[in-house]
Amino acid sequence: MLLHASHNLWIQGFFDHVTTDTGRTRWFTTEFGAALALTAMVVAYAFWRLRNQLPAAAISSPGPA
């Protein structure tokens, strides 16, 4: 919920208002623009590459029965 709210705040409430429309601007900006999709893919790839740096899960007992 907080991620969605902050996404709406920054994309729709800030960046859309400070971007000058040059005709093809909406292809790159707004909620469904290429810039946001590319940024999300770069962040996802970075997290995917760093996944092996997480500590291994401790496997002990299955828990209370």
N, C-alpha and C. Protein backbone atom coordinates (compact mmCIF):
# COMPACT_ATOMS: atom_id res chain seq x y z
N MET A 1 0.82 -1.15 0.00
CA MET A 1 0.00 0.00 0.00
C MET A 1 0.88 1.24 0.00
N LEU A 2 1.90 1.24 0.83
CA LEU A 2 2.78 2.42 0.89
C LEU A 2 3.57 2.59 -0.41
N LEU A 3 4.01 1.49 -1.00
CA LEU A 3 4.73 1.57 -2.27
C LEU A 3 3.82 2.12 -3.37
N HIS A 4 2.60 1.64 -3.42
CA HIS A 4 1.66 2.11 -4.42
C HIS A 4 1.33 3.59 -4.22
N ALA A 5 1.14 3.98 -2.98
CA ALA A 5 0.82 5.38 -2.69
C ALA A 5 1.99 6.29 -3.04
N SER A 6 3.21 5.88 -2.71
CA SER A 6 4.36 6.72 -3.04
C SER A 6 4.60 6.75 -4.55
N HIS A 7 4.33 5.65 -5.23
CA HIS A 7 4.44 5.62 -6.69
C HIS A 7 3.47 6.63 -7.30
N ASN A 8 2.22 6.62 -6.86
CA ASN A 8 1.24 7.57 -7.37
C ASN A 8 1.62 9.02 -7.06
N LEU A 9 2.14 9.24 -5.87
CA LEU A 9 2.54 10.58 -5.47
C LEU A 9 3.63 11.12 -6.40
N TRP A 10 4.68 10.34 -6.61
CA TRP A 10 5.81 10.84 -7.38
C TRP A 10 5.56 10.83 -8.89
N ILE A 11 4.97 9.78 -9.40
CA ILE A 11 4.76 9.71 -10.85
C ILE A 11 3.64 10.64 -11.28
N GLN A 12 2.48 10.51 -10.67
CA GLN A 12 1.32 11.28 -11.10
C GLN A 12 1.27 12.68 -10.49
N GLY A 13 1.71 12.81 -9.27
CA GLY A 13 1.59 14.08 -8.59
C GLY A 13 2.75 15.02 -8.79
N PHE A 14 3.93 14.50 -9.13
CA PHE A 14 5.09 15.36 -9.28
C PHE A 14 5.66 15.33 -10.70
N PHE A 15 6.16 14.18 -11.12
CA PHE A 15 6.87 14.11 -12.40
C PHE A 15 5.99 14.46 -13.60
N ASP A 16 4.74 14.05 -13.61
CA ASP A 16 3.86 14.40 -14.72
C ASP A 16 3.63 15.90 -14.83
N HIS A 17 3.67 16.60 -13.70
CA HIS A 17 3.42 18.04 -13.72
C HIS A 17 4.66 18.86 -14.07
N VAL A 18 5.84 18.32 -13.84
CA VAL A 18 7.07 19.09 -14.13
C VAL A 18 7.69 18.71 -15.47
N THR A 19 7.06 17.80 -16.20
CA THR A 19 7.57 17.39 -17.50
C THR A 19 6.88 18.18 -18.60
N THR A 20 7.69 18.71 -19.51
CA THR A 20 7.15 19.47 -20.64
C THR A 20 6.70 18.51 -21.72
N ASP A 21 5.47 18.70 -22.20
CA ASP A 21 4.93 17.83 -23.25
C ASP A 21 5.49 18.26 -24.61
N THR A 22 6.24 17.37 -25.24
CA THR A 22 6.83 17.68 -26.55
C THR A 22 6.18 16.87 -27.66
N GLY A 23 5.06 16.26 -27.39
CA GLY A 23 4.37 15.46 -28.40
C GLY A 23 4.50 13.97 -28.12
N ARG A 24 5.72 13.50 -28.05
CA ARG A 24 5.96 12.08 -27.77
C ARG A 24 6.30 11.83 -26.31
N THR A 25 6.15 12.83 -25.48
CA THR A 25 6.53 12.74 -24.07
C THR A 25 5.81 11.60 -23.37
N ARG A 26 4.54 11.42 -23.64
CA ARG A 26 3.76 10.39 -22.93
C ARG A 26 4.21 8.97 -23.25
N TRP A 27 4.96 8.78 -24.33
CA TRP A 27 5.52 7.45 -24.61
C TRP A 27 6.59 7.09 -23.59
N PHE A 28 7.23 8.09 -23.01
CA PHE A 28 8.34 7.85 -22.09
C PHE A 28 7.99 8.12 -20.64
N THR A 29 7.09 9.04 -20.40
CA THR A 29 6.74 9.41 -19.03
C THR A 29 5.39 8.80 -18.67
N THR A 30 4.80 9.30 -17.66
CA THR A 30 3.52 8.87 -17.08
C THR A 30 3.64 7.49 -16.44
N GLU A 31 2.53 7.02 -15.98
CA GLU A 31 2.49 5.77 -15.22
C GLU A 31 2.84 4.55 -16.06
N PHE A 32 2.57 4.61 -17.36
CA PHE A 32 2.80 3.46 -18.23
C PHE A 32 3.88 3.72 -19.26
N GLY A 33 4.74 4.71 -19.03
CA GLY A 33 5.76 5.08 -19.99
C GLY A 33 6.95 4.14 -20.00
N ALA A 34 7.74 4.25 -21.05
CA ALA A 34 8.90 3.39 -21.23
C ALA A 34 9.98 3.64 -20.18
N ALA A 35 10.11 4.88 -19.71
CA ALA A 35 11.14 5.19 -18.72
C ALA A 35 10.87 4.45 -17.40
N LEU A 36 9.63 4.42 -16.98
CA LEU A 36 9.30 3.72 -15.74
C LEU A 36 9.48 2.21 -15.90
N ALA A 37 9.08 1.68 -17.06
CA ALA A 37 9.26 0.24 -17.30
C ALA A 37 10.74 -0.12 -17.33
N LEU A 38 11.55 0.69 -17.98
CA LEU A 38 12.98 0.43 -18.04
C LEU A 38 13.62 0.53 -16.66
N THR A 39 13.23 1.52 -15.88
CA THR A 39 13.75 1.67 -14.53
C THR A 39 13.38 0.46 -13.67
N ALA A 40 12.15 -0.01 -13.78
CA ALA A 40 11.71 -1.19 -13.01
C ALA A 40 12.50 -2.43 -13.41
N MET A 41 12.79 -2.57 -14.70
CA MET A 41 13.57 -3.72 -15.15
C MET A 41 15.01 -3.65 -14.64
N VAL A 42 15.61 -2.48 -14.62
CA VAL A 42 16.98 -2.33 -14.12
C VAL A 42 17.04 -2.65 -12.63
N VAL A 43 16.08 -2.15 -11.87
CA VAL A 43 16.04 -2.43 -10.43
C VAL A 43 15.81 -3.92 -10.17
N ALA A 44 14.89 -4.53 -10.91
CA ALA A 44 14.63 -5.96 -10.75
C ALA A 44 15.87 -6.78 -11.08
N TYR A 45 16.59 -6.40 -12.14
CA TYR A 45 17.81 -7.11 -12.51
C TYR A 45 18.88 -6.96 -11.42
N ALA A 46 19.00 -5.76 -10.85
CA ALA A 46 19.97 -5.54 -9.78
C ALA A 46 19.66 -6.42 -8.56
N PHE A 47 18.40 -6.48 -8.17
CA PHE A 47 18.02 -7.34 -7.04
C PHE A 47 18.23 -8.81 -7.38
N TRP A 48 17.95 -9.20 -8.60
CA TRP A 48 18.14 -10.59 -9.01
C TRP A 48 19.62 -10.97 -8.95
N ARG A 49 20.49 -10.06 -9.39
CA ARG A 49 21.93 -10.33 -9.36
C ARG A 49 22.47 -10.42 -7.93
N LEU A 50 21.87 -9.68 -7.01
CA LEU A 50 22.35 -9.64 -5.63
C LEU A 50 21.68 -10.69 -4.74
N ARG A 51 20.85 -11.53 -5.31
CA ARG A 51 20.09 -12.49 -4.49
C ARG A 51 20.98 -13.47 -3.76
N ASN A 52 22.16 -13.80 -4.27
CA ASN A 52 23.04 -14.76 -3.62
C ASN A 52 23.78 -14.16 -2.43
N GLN A 53 23.69 -12.87 -2.23
CA GLN A 53 24.34 -12.24 -1.09
C GLN A 53 23.47 -12.26 0.16
N LEU A 54 22.25 -12.76 0.04
CA LEU A 54 21.38 -12.90 1.20
C LEU A 54 21.88 -14.05 2.06
N PRO A 55 21.72 -13.93 3.37
CA PRO A 55 22.13 -15.05 4.22
C PRO A 55 21.23 -16.26 3.99
N ALA A 56 21.82 -17.43 4.09
CA ALA A 56 21.06 -18.67 3.89
C ALA A 56 20.05 -18.82 5.02
N ALA A 57 18.89 -19.34 4.70
CA ALA A 57 17.86 -19.56 5.71
C ALA A 57 18.29 -20.69 6.63
N ALA A 58 18.11 -20.50 7.90
CA ALA A 58 18.48 -21.52 8.87
C ALA A 58 17.43 -22.63 8.84
N ILE A 59 17.86 -23.84 8.55
CA ILE A 59 16.95 -24.96 8.50
C ILE A 59 17.21 -25.80 9.75
N SER A 60 16.26 -25.78 10.65
CA SER A 60 16.40 -26.58 11.87
C SER A 60 15.21 -27.51 11.98
N SER A 61 14.32 -27.24 12.85
CA SER A 61 13.13 -28.07 12.99
C SER A 61 11.99 -27.43 12.22
N PRO A 62 11.01 -28.23 11.82
CA PRO A 62 9.89 -27.68 11.05
C PRO A 62 9.00 -26.76 11.86
N GLY A 63 9.22 -26.63 13.16
CA GLY A 63 8.40 -25.75 13.97
C GLY A 63 7.47 -26.52 14.88
N PRO A 64 6.68 -25.83 15.61
CA PRO A 64 5.76 -26.52 16.55
C PRO A 64 4.69 -27.29 15.79
N ALA A 65 4.32 -28.42 16.37
CA ALA A 65 3.32 -29.27 15.74
C ALA A 65 1.94 -28.99 16.23
